[in-house]
Amino acid sequence: MEQELISVVIPAAGVGRRMLTDKPKQYLPIHGKTILEHTVEKLRAHPRVGKVVIAVSDDDPYFSQLSLAADPDIVRVSGGQERSDSVFAALEYLVKYRPTTWVMVHDAARPCVRLSDIERLIATVIADGVGGILATPVRDTMKRTGHNQNIVATVERENLWHALTPQMFRTAELHLALSRVISQHIAVTDEASVMEWHGDQPSIVLGHADNIKVTQPEDLALAEFYLSRES
């Protein structure tokens, strides 16, 4: 029996001010391609990935210049001010026009995700049935500070994880939960926190630490190094 494809949502409406560049970080070049192109290429290399929906701001002048814009399996939707708004816009499209059982949400600026990690996430989540995320365990000593940035406590790092993406959930359930979160103005930072608020307990799937998100200027060189190892 042919396996159902999994849709992918990529929120890419952010401006990435911390990169201190003249364009959003997802459009910075690495090895002749933008970060966004590397990210989409990596995801689409997995045989279970189907339609890719990218949420881009309406005034974005860069996306239309990429070959991605002419790809029939890639859909552009209008992104919002917050990540949750962009993800919801993409889910709205999928629910109305391309319904699939499962969806993965992945950061536009994570071009180094490994296919083996994606495979492990898919297998774990489908077997569990609830949903899950890639993550890495916290290895460094964690500190909590007060208002003046002085240390007030050392946080026990056991059972603490760095959340990564992709994060994978049932399309209809994530759409419903996110609609409620947005309507009630609840602050969430990722899709797992949406589903946690909804009452679910998503699985943690061990990923690799090289699945970095390009956020700071120094991250660009690191992403370039990781991608160069694959070529």
Foldseek 3Di string as FASTA:
>chain_A
DDDAAAEEEEEDADAQVQAVDPGRQQQDDFPRGGLLVLQVVQVVVAPRHFAYEYAYAPPHPPPVVDPLVVDPSYHYDHADPDSLRRRLRRLVCCVVPPADFKYWYAYSQQNLFHPVLVVQQVVVCVVVVAWAFEWAADDDWAFDADPVRDTDDTDDRVPPIGTHDGTMGTSVVLNVLSVVCVVVVPDDDDSCVSVVVVVDDHDYRYGDPLSDGPRHNVVVVSVSVSVVVVD
